[in-house]
Amino acid sequence: MKTCKNYLLLLIYSAILLAPQLLGGGWVIIWPVINK
């Protein structure tokens, strides 16, 4: 169960790191909206 949780955490961490690169300039506009 612990391994599954670590995998999920890694997946979320990777998504956070990759999202700005994938979305490019659009991410700068989207981020403040999510951050509110």
PDB file of N, CA and C in Angstrom:
ATOM      1  N   MET A   1       0.831  -1.198   0.000  1.00  0.00           N
ATOM      2  CA  MET A   1       0.000   0.000   0.000  1.00  0.00           C
ATOM      3  C   MET A   1       0.874   1.260   0.000  1.00  0.00           C
ATOM      4  N   LYS A   2       1.972   1.190   0.749  1.00  0.00           N
ATOM      5  CA  LYS A   2       2.874   2.341   0.829  1.00  0.00           C
ATOM      6  C   LYS A   2       3.529   2.631  -0.521  1.00  0.00           C
ATOM      7  N   THR A   3       3.851   1.543  -1.241  1.00  0.00           N
ATOM      8  CA  THR A   3       4.467   1.693  -2.556  1.00  0.00           C
ATOM      9  C   THR A   3       3.508   2.374  -3.523  1.00  0.00           C
ATOM     10  N   CYS A   4       2.236   2.031  -3.436  1.00  0.00           N
ATOM     11  CA  CYS A   4       1.209   2.607  -4.291  1.00  0.00           C
ATOM     12  C   CYS A   4       1.081   4.110  -4.032  1.00  0.00           C
ATOM     13  N   LYS A   5       1.150   4.478  -2.755  1.00  0.00           N
ATOM     14  CA  LYS A   5       1.038   5.887  -2.384  1.00  0.00           C
ATOM     15  C   LYS A   5       2.241   6.679  -2.889  1.00  0.00           C
ATOM     16  N   ASN A   6       3.420   6.085  -2.776  1.00  0.00           N
ATOM     17  CA  ASN A   6       4.639   6.737  -3.261  1.00  0.00           C
ATOM     18  C   ASN A   6       4.597   6.935  -4.772  1.00  0.00           C
ATOM     19  N   TYR A   7       4.048   5.947  -5.473  1.00  0.00           N
ATOM     20  CA  TYR A   7       3.921   6.020  -6.927  1.00  0.00           C
ATOM     21  C   TYR A   7       2.984   7.147  -7.328  1.00  0.00           C
ATOM     22  N   LEU A   8       1.877   7.272  -6.591  1.00  0.00           N
ATOM     23  CA  LEU A   8       0.898   8.321  -6.859  1.00  0.00           C
ATOM     24  C   LEU A   8       1.509   9.697  -6.617  1.00  0.00           C
ATOM     25  N   LEU A   9       2.275   9.809  -5.542  1.00  0.00           N
ATOM     26  CA  LEU A   9       2.943  11.063  -5.196  1.00  0.00           C
ATOM     27  C   LEU A   9       3.941  11.457  -6.288  1.00  0.00           C
ATOM     28  N   LEU A  10       4.676  10.467  -6.784  1.00  0.00           N
ATOM     29  CA  LEU A  10       5.649  10.696  -7.849  1.00  0.00           C
ATOM     30  C   LEU A  10       4.961  11.138  -9.137  1.00  0.00           C
ATOM     31  N   LEU A  11       3.799  10.535  -9.395  1.00  0.00           N
ATOM     32  CA  LEU A  11       3.023  10.865 -10.584  1.00  0.00           C
ATOM     33  C   LEU A  11       2.542  12.314 -10.539  1.00  0.00           C
ATOM     34  N   ILE A  12       2.039  12.725  -9.363  1.00  0.00           N
ATOM     35  CA  ILE A  12       1.570  14.101  -9.168  1.00  0.00           C
ATOM     36  C   ILE A  12       2.734  15.083  -9.297  1.00  0.00           C
ATOM     37  N   TYR A  13       3.859  14.732  -8.691  1.00  0.00           N
ATOM     38  CA  TYR A  13       5.060  15.572  -8.735  1.00  0.00           C
ATOM     39  C   TYR A  13       5.546  15.759 -10.171  1.00  0.00           C
ATOM     40  N   SER A  14       5.516  14.665 -10.942  1.00  0.00           N
ATOM     41  CA  SER A  14       5.922  14.718 -12.343  1.00  0.00           C
ATOM     42  C   SER A  14       4.977  15.591 -13.157  1.00  0.00           C
ATOM     43  N   ALA A  15       3.682  15.469 -12.866  1.00  0.00           N
ATOM     44  CA  ALA A  15       2.676  16.259 -13.572  1.00  0.00           C
ATOM     45  C   ALA A  15       2.879  17.753 -13.327  1.00  0.00           C
ATOM     46  N   ILE A  16       3.191  18.107 -12.069  1.00  0.00           N
ATOM     47  CA  ILE A  16       3.427  19.504 -11.706  1.00  0.00           C
ATOM     48  C   ILE A  16       4.669  20.042 -12.425  1.00  0.00           C
ATOM     49  N   LEU A  17       5.688  19.195 -12.534  1.00  0.00           N
ATOM     50  CA  LEU A  17       6.921  19.615 -13.202  1.00  0.00           C
ATOM     51  C   LEU A  17       6.742  19.733 -14.716  1.00  0.00           C
ATOM     52  N   LEU A  18       5.977  18.802 -15.302  1.00  0.00           N
ATOM     53  CA  LEU A  18       5.841  18.752 -16.751  1.00  0.00           C
ATOM     54  C   LEU A  18       4.774  19.687 -17.306  1.00  0.00           C
ATOM     55  N   ALA A  19       3.762  19.990 -16.504  1.00  0.00           N
ATOM     56  CA  ALA A  19       2.641  20.806 -16.970  1.00  0.00           C
ATOM     57  C   ALA A  19       3.067  22.146 -17.589  1.00  0.00           C
ATOM     58  N   PRO A  20       3.941  22.916 -16.938  1.00  0.00           N
ATOM     59  CA  PRO A  20       4.356  24.199 -17.525  1.00  0.00           C
ATOM     60  C   PRO A  20       5.049  24.039 -18.879  1.00  0.00           C
ATOM     61  N   GLN A  21       5.831  22.976 -19.042  1.00  0.00           N
ATOM     62  CA  GLN A  21       6.539  22.730 -20.298  1.00  0.00           C
ATOM     63  C   GLN A  21       5.570  22.339 -21.411  1.00  0.00           C
ATOM     64  N   LEU A  22       4.559  21.541 -21.053  1.00  0.00           N
ATOM     65  CA  LEU A  22       3.582  21.076 -22.036  1.00  0.00           C
ATOM     66  C   LEU A  22       2.668  22.205 -22.492  1.00  0.00           C
ATOM     67  N   LEU A  23       2.246  23.031 -21.543  1.00  0.00           N
ATOM     68  CA  LEU A  23       1.294  24.095 -21.845  1.00  0.00           C
ATOM     69  C   LEU A  23       1.970  25.346 -22.384  1.00  0.00           C
ATOM     70  N   GLY A  24       3.251  25.506 -22.055  1.00  0.00           N
ATOM     71  CA  GLY A  24       3.990  26.649 -22.567  1.00  0.00           C
ATOM     72  C   GLY A  24       3.492  27.974 -21.991  1.00  0.00           C
ATOM     73  N   GLY A  25       3.327  28.969 -22.858  1.00  0.00           N
ATOM     74  CA  GLY A  25       2.917  30.305 -22.443  1.00  0.00           C
ATOM     75  C   GLY A  25       1.536  30.333 -21.822  1.00  0.00           C
ATOM     76  N   GLY A  26       0.662  29.420 -22.251  1.00  0.00           N
ATOM     77  CA  GLY A  26      -0.701  29.374 -21.722  1.00  0.00           C
ATOM     78  C   GLY A  26      -0.734  29.116 -20.229  1.00  0.00           C
ATOM     79  N   TRP A  27       0.276  28.389 -19.730  1.00  0.00           N
ATOM     80  CA  TRP A  27       0.348  28.050 -18.313  1.00  0.00           C
ATOM     81  C   TRP A  27       0.439  29.296 -17.442  1.00  0.00           C
ATOM     82  N   VAL A  28       1.135  30.321 -17.932  1.00  0.00           N
ATOM     83  CA  VAL A  28       1.318  31.569 -17.188  1.00  0.00           C
ATOM     84  C   VAL A  28      -0.031  32.246 -16.954  1.00  0.00           C
ATOM     85  N   ILE A  29      -0.930  32.093 -17.919  1.00  0.00           N
ATOM     86  CA  ILE A  29      -2.264  32.688 -17.814  1.00  0.00           C
ATOM     87  C   ILE A  29      -3.160  31.846 -16.909  1.00  0.00           C
ATOM     88  N   ILE A  30      -3.036  30.512 -17.013  1.00  0.00           N
ATOM     89  CA  ILE A  30      -3.893  29.589 -16.261  1.00  0.00           C
ATOM     90  C   ILE A  30      -3.518  29.545 -14.786  1.00  0.00           C
ATOM     91  N   TRP A  31      -2.223  29.579 -14.470  1.00  0.00           N
ATOM     92  CA  TRP A  31      -1.731  29.388 -13.104  1.00  0.00           C
ATOM     93  C   TRP A  31      -2.341  30.333 -12.074  1.00  0.00           C
ATOM     94  N   PRO A  32      -2.408  31.667 -12.318  1.00  0.00           N
ATOM     95  CA  PRO A  32      -3.007  32.574 -11.324  1.00  0.00           C
ATOM     96  C   PRO A  32      -4.471  32.240 -11.029  1.00  0.00           C
ATOM     97  N   VAL A  33      -5.188  31.732 -12.020  1.00  0.00           N
ATOM     98  CA  VAL A  33      -6.599  31.369 -11.840  1.00  0.00           C
ATOM     99  C   VAL A  33      -6.723  30.181 -10.893  1.00  0.00           C
ATOM    100  N   ILE A  34      -5.851  29.178 -11.065  1.00  0.00           N
ATOM    101  CA  ILE A  34      -5.858  27.988 -10.204  1.00  0.00           C
ATOM    102  C   ILE A  34      -5.401  28.346  -8.795  1.00  0.00           C
ATOM    103  N   ASN A  35      -4.472  29.284  -8.708  1.00  0.00           N
ATOM    104  CA  ASN A  35      -3.819  29.616  -7.446  1.00  0.00           C
ATOM    105  C   ASN A  35      -4.689  30.430  -6.496  1.00  0.00           C
ATOM    106  N   LYS A  36      -5.815  30.960  -6.986  1.00  0.00           N
ATOM    107  CA  LYS A  36      -6.679  31.804  -6.147  1.00  0.00           C
ATOM    108  C   LYS A  36      -7.310  31.012  -5.014  1.00  0.00           C
TER     109      LYS A  36
END
